[in-house]
């Protein structure tokens, strides 16, 4: 159903949480059920490590494979569903590498008999690993946005999730505060974990929308046992209306997997790097930082700049710190460690800013490394290399000279 280069009308909404146990699967199930009001709906359980769909719904349907390598998907309550729990069973543990997880999800979408869909809800993998990012990559051109599910006591986890979505420019529909309160028999709301003010404050600080509270459902075990895990909630009603009305926004998250660079850009990159090294030599002594971080003259660092897909090499410099200076090696005998980044990442690091939607946010080498925009290779030295470059790029005098000369070029890519 979702294929590279194919124009399709399906809208995809992800249901995300950094921390497990906040009710992500339950919210995903309820959103899929509600979206049937607006059109043909599918539910993809992409949380392979902890698939709970069969348990929460009591559904006994099975995903089966045909001789011609097609997947026959069952319907639950009118929703086409794929879940590992319907393929392998509820108790079968799964542990695979990231590439295999993502390939499996891609195959499910390619070979599953989804039929024509208007909406697809994804119960995303828990956490923020490469699996989560890889799954979203598959749907980057049809993703309306993620619904982030949290609980009142998960403030740090919520902030991490919001920051990742902002830094990676992944669209966000808003944040749901799940299990926020308990409704007593006489109708009074009791906030078991305190008010929702702190959750709202974190969400609004990041510029996202606080969608509201979903109650703690006392009889949920009974509803699950009956195969009816449905929650009455105006908040969830509002979310599906928002999904139906929100257009897919093209983002840098989608673009980064499709950008390709020309030979002219290669020349620009090399000029920027050359000017940076020359200016840096004049303004900054690297000896103290290099010694502090464990760099010695026999350690060579490869700085590799690629296109956005990390598939096409633009340029590669092998550097060595010698006598407090950065030396470019034309014929290095070895490379001890390597830093790989796209030209967009390089531009953002030098400019200190990244564009996320309509906002400019702060961006530095350590942030780039933590969210995977910079990949470091070499046992023990990758982190040191990032820290040295971070120290180099905190020299505002050097950066200002580079920005004055190449700022207009670099601003196109942040």
Protein backbone atom coordinates (compact mmCIF):
# COMPACT_ATOMS: atom_id res chain seq x y z
CA UNK A 1 0.00 0.00 0.00
CA UNK A 2 2.80 2.45 0.84
CA UNK A 3 5.39 2.30 -1.92
CA UNK A 4 8.25 4.58 -2.87
CA UNK A 5 7.23 7.12 -5.49
CA UNK A 6 3.57 6.14 -5.48
CA UNK A 7 0.96 8.87 -4.98
CA UNK A 8 -1.56 7.70 -2.42
CA UNK A 9 -4.25 9.41 -0.38
CA UNK A 10 -3.98 7.48 2.89
CA UNK A 11 -3.31 9.56 5.99
CA UNK A 12 -1.05 8.02 8.61
CA UNK A 13 -1.08 8.90 12.31
CA UNK A 14 1.51 7.51 14.71
CA UNK A 15 0.86 6.88 18.39
CA UNK A 16 4.09 7.45 20.31
CA UNK A 17 5.50 7.27 23.82
CA UNK A 18 9.07 7.31 25.07
CA UNK A 19 8.13 5.30 28.14
CA UNK A 20 6.24 2.02 28.13
CA UNK A 21 3.07 1.50 30.14
CA UNK A 22 1.44 4.86 29.49
CA UNK A 23 -1.43 3.42 27.41
CA UNK A 24 -0.07 3.88 23.88
CA UNK A 25 -1.65 0.69 22.50
CA UNK A 26 -5.01 1.42 24.11
CA UNK A 27 -5.07 4.92 22.61
CA UNK A 28 -4.06 3.54 19.18
CA UNK A 29 -6.88 0.97 19.26
CA UNK A 30 -9.45 3.60 20.23
CA UNK A 31 -8.29 6.04 17.54
CA UNK A 32 -8.51 3.36 14.84
CA UNK A 33 -12.02 2.40 15.91
CA UNK A 34 -13.14 6.04 15.85
CA UNK A 35 -11.57 6.80 12.47
CA UNK A 36 -13.96 4.33 10.84
CA UNK A 37 -16.50 7.13 11.08
CA UNK A 38 -14.41 9.10 8.60
CA UNK A 39 -13.30 6.37 6.22
CA UNK A 40 -11.64 3.01 5.64
CA UNK A 41 -9.13 2.44 8.42
CA UNK A 42 -6.19 0.15 9.13
CA UNK A 43 -4.21 -0.46 12.31
CA UNK A 44 -0.53 -1.38 12.15
CA UNK A 45 0.94 -2.73 15.38
CA UNK A 46 4.62 -1.89 14.85
CA UNK A 47 5.61 -2.51 18.47
CA UNK A 48 7.11 -5.91 17.70
CA UNK A 49 8.93 -6.30 21.01
CA UNK A 50 5.79 -5.81 23.07
CA UNK A 51 2.77 -6.47 20.91
CA UNK A 52 -0.42 -6.31 23.00
CA UNK A 53 -3.17 -5.99 20.42
CA UNK A 54 -4.49 -9.55 20.79
CA UNK A 55 -4.48 -9.30 24.59
CA UNK A 56 -6.24 -5.93 24.73
CA UNK A 57 -8.94 -6.86 22.22
CA UNK A 58 -9.34 -10.58 22.86
CA UNK A 59 -9.27 -10.92 19.08
CA UNK A 60 -8.47 -14.42 17.82
CA UNK A 61 -8.06 -13.61 14.12
CA UNK A 62 -4.81 -14.63 12.46
CA UNK A 63 -2.41 -13.12 9.96
CA UNK A 64 -1.62 -15.78 7.37
CA UNK A 65 0.81 -16.02 4.45
CA UNK A 66 -0.17 -17.36 1.04
CA UNK A 67 1.96 -19.36 -1.39
CA UNK A 68 2.51 -16.27 -3.53
CA UNK A 69 4.00 -14.42 -0.53
CA UNK A 70 0.99 -12.27 0.28
CA UNK A 71 -0.17 -11.57 3.83
CA UNK A 72 -3.87 -12.04 4.52
CA UNK A 73 -4.89 -9.56 7.21
CA UNK A 74 -7.94 -10.02 9.42
CA UNK A 75 -10.59 -7.41 10.17
CA UNK A 76 -11.35 -6.43 13.75
CA UNK A 77 -14.46 -4.30 14.33
CA UNK A 78 -14.26 -3.21 10.67
CA UNK A 79 -10.55 -2.26 10.95
CA UNK A 80 -7.90 -4.06 8.87
CA UNK A 81 -5.18 -5.10 11.31
CA UNK A 82 -1.63 -6.34 11.33
CA UNK A 83 -0.11 -7.27 14.68
CA UNK A 84 2.79 -9.58 15.53
CA UNK A 85 0.50 -10.98 18.23
CA UNK A 86 -1.82 -12.20 15.45
CA UNK A 87 1.09 -13.68 13.50
CA UNK A 88 3.29 -15.31 16.15
CA UNK A 89 0.88 -15.54 19.07
CA UNK A 90 0.58 -13.56 22.29
CA UNK A 91 3.42 -15.18 24.22
CA UNK A 92 6.16 -15.45 21.61
CA UNK A 93 9.10 -13.16 22.39
CA UNK A 94 10.75 -11.16 19.61
CA UNK A 95 14.28 -9.72 19.54
CA UNK A 96 15.78 -8.65 16.22
CA UNK A 97 18.17 -6.02 14.89
CA UNK A 98 16.86 -2.65 13.76
CA UNK A 99 17.20 -3.36 10.06
CA UNK A 100 15.15 -6.55 10.35
CA UNK A 101 12.37 -4.81 12.29
CA UNK A 102 12.10 -2.07 9.68
CA UNK A 103 12.25 -4.56 6.80
CA UNK A 104 9.42 -6.56 8.36
CA UNK A 105 7.24 -3.46 8.67
CA UNK A 106 8.05 -2.51 5.08
CA UNK A 107 7.12 -6.02 3.91
CA UNK A 108 3.84 -5.93 5.86
CA UNK A 109 2.86 -2.73 4.08
CA UNK A 110 4.04 -3.99 0.69
CA UNK A 111 2.56 -7.49 0.75
CA UNK A 112 -0.34 -7.16 3.16
CA UNK A 113 -3.83 -7.15 1.62
CA UNK A 114 -4.77 -3.81 3.17
CA UNK A 115 -6.97 -2.82 0.28
CA UNK A 116 -7.75 0.86 -0.24
CA UNK A 117 -7.39 2.79 3.02
CA UNK A 118 -8.20 6.36 3.98
CA UNK A 119 -6.48 6.22 7.38
CA UNK A 120 -3.77 4.13 8.99
CA UNK A 121 -3.02 4.24 12.71
CA UNK A 122 0.42 2.99 13.77
CA UNK A 123 1.04 1.72 17.28
CA UNK A 124 4.69 2.80 17.12
CA UNK A 125 7.60 0.96 18.72
CA UNK A 126 8.10 2.09 22.30
CA UNK A 127 11.00 4.45 22.92
CA UNK A 128 13.06 6.49 20.48
CA UNK A 129 15.55 4.06 18.96
CA UNK A 130 16.45 3.54 15.30
CA UNK A 131 13.47 1.18 15.03
CA UNK A 132 11.03 4.02 15.72
CA UNK A 133 12.80 6.33 13.30
CA UNK A 134 13.07 3.60 10.67
CA UNK A 135 9.34 2.86 10.83
CA UNK A 136 8.46 6.55 10.48
CA UNK A 137 10.80 6.81 7.50
CA UNK A 138 8.60 4.35 5.59
CA UNK A 139 5.60 6.64 6.08
CA UNK A 140 7.38 10.00 5.93
CA UNK A 141 5.42 11.26 2.91
CA UNK A 142 1.97 10.39 4.25
CA UNK A 143 2.43 11.06 7.97
CA UNK A 144 -0.09 13.55 9.34
CA UNK A 145 1.71 13.48 12.67
CA UNK A 146 2.30 11.65 15.93
CA UNK A 147 -0.04 11.65 18.89
CA UNK A 148 2.24 11.60 21.93
CA UNK A 149 0.84 9.72 24.91
CA UNK A 150 2.04 10.53 28.40
CA UNK A 151 1.02 10.30 32.05
CA UNK A 152 1.15 13.02 34.73
CA UNK A 153 4.25 11.53 36.38
CA UNK A 154 6.26 11.06 33.15
CA UNK A 155 7.44 14.65 32.70
CA UNK A 156 11.09 13.91 31.88
CA UNK A 157 10.11 11.23 29.36
CA UNK A 158 7.57 13.58 27.81
CA UNK A 159 10.14 16.33 27.41
CA UNK A 160 12.59 13.93 25.76
CA UNK A 161 9.91 12.84 23.30
CA UNK A 162 8.93 16.41 22.45
CA UNK A 163 12.55 17.43 21.99
CA UNK A 164 13.21 14.50 19.63
CA UNK A 165 10.17 15.30 17.53
CA UNK A 166 11.28 18.93 17.30
CA UNK A 167 14.92 18.12 16.54
CA UNK A 168 14.00 15.53 13.90
CA UNK A 169 11.18 17.70 12.49
CA UNK A 170 8.57 14.96 12.89
CA UNK A 171 5.02 16.39 12.82
CA UNK A 172 3.10 16.28 16.10
CA UNK A 173 -0.69 16.40 16.31
CA UNK A 174 -0.53 16.98 20.04
CA UNK A 175 -0.12 15.40 23.45
CA UNK A 176 -2.64 13.25 25.32
CA UNK A 177 -2.41 13.08 29.11
CA UNK A 178 -3.61 9.52 29.73
CA UNK A 179 -4.89 8.14 33.06
CA UNK A 180 -4.99 11.74 34.26
CA UNK A 181 -7.90 11.36 36.67
CA UNK A 182 -10.39 8.92 38.14
CA UNK A 183 -14.15 9.48 38.01
CA UNK A 184 -15.73 8.48 41.31
CA UNK A 185 -19.19 6.83 41.44
CA UNK A 186 -20.78 10.17 42.41
CA UNK A 187 -19.16 11.89 39.40
CA UNK A 188 -16.27 13.75 41.02
CA UNK A 189 -12.89 13.82 39.26
CA UNK A 190 -9.99 12.72 41.44
CA UNK A 191 -6.48 13.49 40.17
CA UNK A 192 -4.53 10.53 41.50
CA UNK A 193 -1.13 11.83 40.35
CA UNK A 194 -1.70 15.57 40.79
CA UNK A 195 -3.02 18.14 38.37
CA UNK A 196 -2.22 18.22 34.67
CA UNK A 197 -0.74 21.72 34.84
CA UNK A 198 2.87 20.48 34.73
CA UNK A 199 2.19 18.35 31.63
CA UNK A 200 0.48 21.25 29.89
CA UNK A 201 3.39 23.59 30.75
CA UNK A 202 5.99 21.23 29.21
CA UNK A 203 3.92 20.74 26.06
CA UNK A 204 3.29 24.45 25.52
CA UNK A 205 6.92 25.31 26.22
CA UNK A 206 7.85 23.27 23.15
CA UNK A 207 5.17 24.94 21.07
CA UNK A 208 2.93 21.88 20.69
CA UNK A 209 -0.73 21.48 21.48
CA UNK A 210 -2.01 19.94 24.69
CA UNK A 211 -4.96 17.87 23.49
CA UNK A 212 -6.41 17.11 26.90
CA UNK A 213 -6.95 14.44 29.53
CA UNK A 214 -8.11 10.85 29.19
CA UNK A 215 -9.42 9.29 32.40
CA UNK A 216 -8.18 6.25 34.30
CA UNK A 217 -10.70 3.53 33.38
CA UNK A 218 -11.43 1.50 36.51
CA UNK A 219 -13.23 -1.32 34.73
CA UNK A 220 -10.65 -1.60 31.93
CA UNK A 221 -9.70 -5.20 32.87
CA UNK A 222 -13.35 -6.17 32.52
CA UNK A 223 -13.65 -4.38 29.15
CA UNK A 224 -10.49 -6.12 27.90
CA UNK A 225 -11.79 -9.50 29.05
CA UNK A 226 -14.97 -8.83 27.07
CA UNK A 227 -12.96 -7.76 24.01
CA UNK A 228 -14.30 -4.22 24.21
CA UNK A 229 -11.37 -1.97 25.27
CA UNK A 230 -13.20 1.21 24.31
CA UNK A 231 -12.87 4.51 26.16
CA UNK A 232 -15.49 7.23 26.18
CA UNK A 233 -13.53 10.43 25.63
CA UNK A 234 -14.25 13.72 23.92
CA UNK A 235 -10.48 14.20 23.69
CA UNK A 236 -10.11 11.12 21.48
CA UNK A 237 -13.14 12.21 19.44
CA UNK A 238 -11.39 15.51 18.84
CA UNK A 239 -8.15 13.84 17.77
CA UNK A 240 -9.75 11.79 14.99
CA UNK A 241 -11.53 14.92 13.74
CA UNK A 242 -8.15 16.66 13.69
CA UNK A 243 -6.61 13.75 11.74
CA UNK A 244 -9.39 13.95 9.17
CA UNK A 245 -8.94 17.72 8.74
CA UNK A 246 -5.14 18.01 8.89
CA UNK A 247 -3.20 17.85 5.60
CA UNK A 248 0.07 15.99 5.33
CA UNK A 249 2.91 18.49 5.85
CA UNK A 250 6.11 17.97 3.89
CA UNK A 251 8.98 18.17 6.38
CA UNK A 252 12.73 17.94 6.42
CA UNK A 253 12.19 14.52 8.02
CA UNK A 254 10.73 13.35 4.72
CA UNK A 255 13.11 15.36 2.58
CA UNK A 256 16.25 14.07 4.22
CA UNK A 257 15.69 10.64 2.65
CA UNK A 258 15.30 12.05 -0.84
CA UNK A 259 17.87 14.88 -1.12
CA UNK A 260 20.66 14.43 -3.64
CA UNK A 261 23.59 16.77 -4.12
CA UNK A 262 25.26 18.11 -7.25
CA UNK A 263 28.92 18.46 -8.08
CA UNK A 264 28.56 22.21 -7.51
CA UNK A 265 27.50 21.51 -3.93
CA UNK A 266 30.54 19.26 -3.49
CA UNK A 267 32.75 22.22 -4.34
CA UNK A 268 30.84 24.41 -1.87
CA UNK A 269 31.31 21.88 0.91
CA UNK A 270 35.04 21.63 0.27
CA UNK A 271 35.42 25.43 0.24
CA UNK A 272 33.56 25.76 3.54
CA UNK A 273 35.66 23.05 5.18
CA UNK A 274 38.92 24.46 3.84
CA UNK A 275 38.07 27.96 5.05
CA UNK A 276 37.04 26.60 8.43
CA UNK A 277 40.34 24.76 8.91
CA UNK A 278 42.46 27.72 7.78
CA UNK A 279 40.57 30.20 9.96
CA UNK A 280 40.61 27.84 12.89
CA UNK A 281 44.41 27.44 12.68
CA UNK A 282 44.85 31.18 13.02
CA UNK A 283 42.43 31.70 15.88
CA UNK A 284 42.53 28.62 18.07
CA UNK A 285 45.12 26.31 19.62
CA UNK A 286 43.85 22.75 19.73
CA UNK A 287 46.64 21.27 21.85
CA UNK A 288 44.94 21.63 25.24
CA UNK A 289 41.62 20.20 24.05
CA UNK A 290 43.28 17.38 22.14
CA UNK A 291 45.38 16.29 25.10
CA UNK A 292 42.43 16.52 27.49
CA UNK A 293 40.29 14.31 25.26
CA UNK A 294 43.00 11.72 24.62
CA UNK A 295 44.02 12.69 21.09
CA UNK A 296 47.66 12.16 20.18
CA UNK A 297 49.62 12.61 16.99
CA UNK A 298 49.17 9.00 15.93
CA UNK A 299 45.36 9.30 15.86
CA UNK A 300 43.77 10.12 12.52
CA UNK A 301 40.18 11.34 12.25
CA UNK A 302 38.16 10.98 9.05
CA UNK A 303 35.49 13.64 8.58
CA UNK A 304 33.02 12.30 6.00
CA UNK A 305 30.32 14.54 4.52
CA UNK A 306 27.45 12.87 2.64
CA UNK A 307 24.08 13.61 1.09
CA UNK A 308 20.99 13.53 3.26
CA UNK A 309 20.38 9.84 2.67
CA UNK A 310 23.90 9.04 3.96
CA UNK A 311 24.33 7.09 0.73
CA UNK A 312 26.38 9.37 -1.51
CA UNK A 313 29.82 10.65 -0.54
CA UNK A 314 30.38 14.37 -1.07
CA UNK A 315 33.84 14.69 0.44
CA UNK A 316 36.10 13.00 2.98
CA UNK A 317 38.99 14.59 4.85
CA UNK A 318 41.40 12.71 7.10
CA UNK A 319 42.72 15.01 9.84
CA UNK A 320 45.43 14.77 12.46
CA UNK A 321 46.20 17.07 15.37
CA UNK A 322 49.89 18.01 15.27
CA UNK A 323 51.63 20.77 17.24
CA UNK A 324 48.30 22.33 18.11
CA UNK A 325 47.21 22.50 14.48
CA UNK A 326 44.84 20.49 12.32
CA UNK A 327 46.69 18.81 9.47
CA UNK A 328 44.91 17.38 6.41
CA UNK A 329 46.43 14.03 5.39
CA UNK A 330 46.40 13.31 1.67
CA UNK A 331 47.58 9.71 1.94
CA UNK A 332 46.84 8.44 5.45
CA UNK A 333 48.15 5.01 6.34
CA UNK A 334 45.22 4.40 8.67
CA UNK A 335 42.03 5.92 10.09
CA UNK A 336 41.47 5.48 13.83
CA UNK A 337 37.97 6.87 13.99
CA UNK A 338 35.47 8.52 11.72
CA UNK A 339 32.69 11.10 11.95
CA UNK A 340 29.96 10.88 9.31
CA UNK A 341 27.38 13.60 8.76
CA UNK A 342 25.33 15.09 5.96
CA UNK A 343 26.05 18.53 4.55
CA UNK A 344 22.79 19.73 6.14
CA UNK A 345 24.08 18.64 9.54
CA UNK A 346 27.42 20.38 8.91
CA UNK A 347 25.58 23.58 7.94
CA UNK A 348 23.42 23.42 11.05
CA UNK A 349 26.37 22.77 13.34
CA UNK A 350 28.31 25.75 11.95
CA UNK A 351 25.29 28.07 12.00
CA UNK A 352 24.21 26.79 15.43
CA UNK A 353 20.60 26.59 14.29
CA UNK A 354 18.21 24.10 12.70
CA UNK A 355 14.87 24.83 11.13
CA UNK A 356 12.05 22.70 12.51
CA UNK A 357 8.83 23.53 10.73
CA UNK A 358 8.49 27.31 11.08
CA UNK A 359 10.85 27.53 14.06
CA UNK A 360 14.61 27.94 14.39
CA UNK A 361 16.01 25.94 17.30
CA UNK A 362 19.50 25.76 18.79
CA UNK A 363 21.72 23.04 17.36
CA UNK A 364 25.21 21.92 18.36
CA UNK A 365 27.51 18.93 17.69
CA UNK A 366 26.45 17.06 20.80
CA UNK A 367 22.77 17.41 19.89
CA UNK A 368 23.60 16.20 16.37
CA UNK A 369 25.33 13.14 17.80
CA UNK A 370 22.57 12.34 20.32
CA UNK A 371 19.83 12.33 17.68
CA UNK A 372 21.91 10.36 15.18
CA UNK A 373 22.71 13.15 12.72
CA UNK A 374 26.41 12.57 13.41
CA UNK A 375 27.61 8.99 13.43
CA UNK A 376 30.91 8.25 15.19
CA UNK A 377 32.94 5.12 14.49
CA UNK A 378 36.01 3.83 16.27
CA UNK A 379 36.18 2.11 19.63
CA UNK A 380 36.32 4.64 22.45
CA UNK A 381 37.18 7.63 20.32
CA UNK A 382 33.85 8.53 18.76
CA UNK A 383 32.60 10.47 21.77
CA UNK A 384 35.96 12.17 22.20
CA UNK A 385 35.92 13.25 18.57
CA UNK A 386 32.47 14.78 18.95
CA UNK A 387 33.60 16.61 22.08
CA UNK A 388 36.68 18.04 20.38
CA UNK A 389 34.62 19.29 17.44
CA UNK A 390 32.12 20.71 19.92
CA UNK A 391 34.95 22.62 21.61
CA UNK A 392 36.22 23.85 18.25
CA UNK A 393 32.79 25.08 17.20
CA UNK A 394 32.23 27.04 20.39
CA UNK A 395 34.82 29.56 19.26
CA UNK A 396 32.42 32.32 18.24
CA UNK A 397 35.13 34.45 16.62
CA UNK A 398 35.97 31.67 14.17
CA UNK A 399 32.32 30.80 13.58
CA UNK A 400 31.39 34.42 12.92
CA UNK A 401 34.06 34.67 10.22
CA UNK A 402 32.76 31.51 8.53
CA UNK A 403 29.17 32.75 8.80
CA UNK A 404 30.11 36.11 7.31
CA UNK A 405 31.71 34.43 4.33
CA UNK A 406 29.45 31.41 3.80
CA UNK A 407 26.34 32.19 5.84
CA UNK A 408 24.08 32.67 2.81
CA UNK A 409 25.09 29.28 1.45
CA UNK A 410 24.72 27.52 4.78
CA UNK A 411 21.35 29.10 5.60
CA UNK A 412 19.82 27.31 2.62
CA UNK A 413 20.45 23.99 4.33
CA UNK A 414 19.63 24.51 8.01
